[in-house]
C-alpha atoms as a PDB file:
ATOM      1  CA  MET A   1       6.440  22.538 -25.094  1.00  0.00           C
ATOM      2  CA  SER A   2       6.182  24.630 -21.957  1.00  0.00           C
ATOM      3  CA  LYS A   3       8.839  26.902 -20.506  1.00  0.00           C
ATOM      4  CA  ASN A   4       9.220  24.620 -17.491  1.00  0.00           C
ATOM      5  CA  GLU A   5      10.050  21.647 -19.725  1.00  0.00           C
ATOM      6  CA  ILE A   6      12.819  23.577 -21.477  1.00  0.00           C
ATOM      7  CA  SER A   7      14.439  24.750 -18.236  1.00  0.00           C
ATOM      8  CA  GLU A   8      14.350  21.184 -16.906  1.00  0.00           C
ATOM      9  CA  GLN A   9      16.124  19.956 -20.034  1.00  0.00           C
ATOM     10  CA  ASP A  10      18.639  22.783 -19.753  1.00  0.00           C
ATOM     11  CA  ARG A  11      19.387  21.929 -16.148  1.00  0.00           C
ATOM     12  CA  ARG A  12      19.976  18.296 -17.079  1.00  0.00           C
ATOM     13  CA  ARG A  13      22.320  19.317 -19.881  1.00  0.00           C
ATOM     14  CA  LYS A  14      24.338  21.586 -17.581  1.00  0.00           C
ATOM     15  CA  LYS A  15      24.599  18.826 -14.984  1.00  0.00           C
ATOM     16  CA  ALA A  16      25.801  16.358 -17.618  1.00  0.00           C
ATOM     17  CA  LEU A  17      28.377  18.885 -18.815  1.00  0.00           C
ATOM     18  CA  ILE A  18      29.709  19.402 -15.272  1.00  0.00           C
ATOM     19  CA  VAL A  19      29.965  15.638 -14.706  1.00  0.00           C
ATOM     20  CA  PHE A  20      31.764  15.233 -18.025  1.00  0.00           C
ATOM     21  CA  GLN A  21      34.251  17.997 -17.178  1.00  0.00           C
ATOM     22  CA  VAL A  22      34.970  16.518 -13.748  1.00  0.00           C
ATOM     23  CA  LEU A  23      35.622  13.088 -15.281  1.00  0.00           C
ATOM     24  CA  LEU A  24      37.830  14.586 -17.981  1.00  0.00           C
ATOM     25  CA  TYR A  25      39.942  16.649 -15.577  1.00  0.00           C
ATOM     26  CA  SER A  26      40.327  13.815 -13.079  1.00  0.00           C
ATOM     27  CA  TYR A  27      41.454  11.552 -15.950  1.00  0.00           C
ATOM     28  CA  LEU A  28      44.015  14.112 -17.127  1.00  0.00           C
ATOM     29  CA  LEU A  29      45.223  14.640 -13.573  1.00  0.00           C
ATOM     30  CA  GLY A  30      45.578  10.878 -13.154  1.00  0.00           C
ATOM     31  CA  LEU A  31      47.692  10.631 -16.306  1.00  0.00           C
ATOM     32  CA  PHE A  32      49.845  13.536 -15.137  1.00  0.00           C
ATOM     33  CA  LEU A  33      50.451  11.990 -11.722  1.00  0.00           C
ATOM     34  CA  PHE A  34      51.213   8.621 -13.331  1.00  0.00           C
ATOM     35  CA  GLN A  35      53.825  10.220 -15.582  1.00  0.00           C
ATOM     36  CA  LEU A  36      55.394  12.018 -12.621  1.00  0.00           C
ATOM     37  CA  HIS A  37      55.588   8.671 -10.828  1.00  0.00           C
ATOM     38  CA  LEU A  38      57.297   7.058 -13.827  1.00  0.00           C
ATOM     39  CA  TYR A  39      59.803   9.925 -14.080  1.00  0.00           C
ATOM     40  CA  SER A  40      60.639   9.652 -10.395  1.00  0.00           C
ATOM     41  CA  LEU A  41      61.242   5.910 -10.820  1.00  0.00           C
ATOM     42  CA  SER A  42      63.507   6.372 -13.850  1.00  0.00           C
ATOM     43  CA  ASP A  43      65.610   8.999 -12.064  1.00  0.00           C
ATOM     44  CA  TRP A  44      66.903   6.516  -9.520  1.00  0.00           C
END
């Protein structure tokens, strides 16, 4: 196992982590906005 192989694997792992975080936060934001929308509908 060469050093280059390890860094390549590390880069892939970091990229996967970033993608996962973006998906997670966009999902949470979507839920939050959906709840705000429901609250605004129930207020009327």
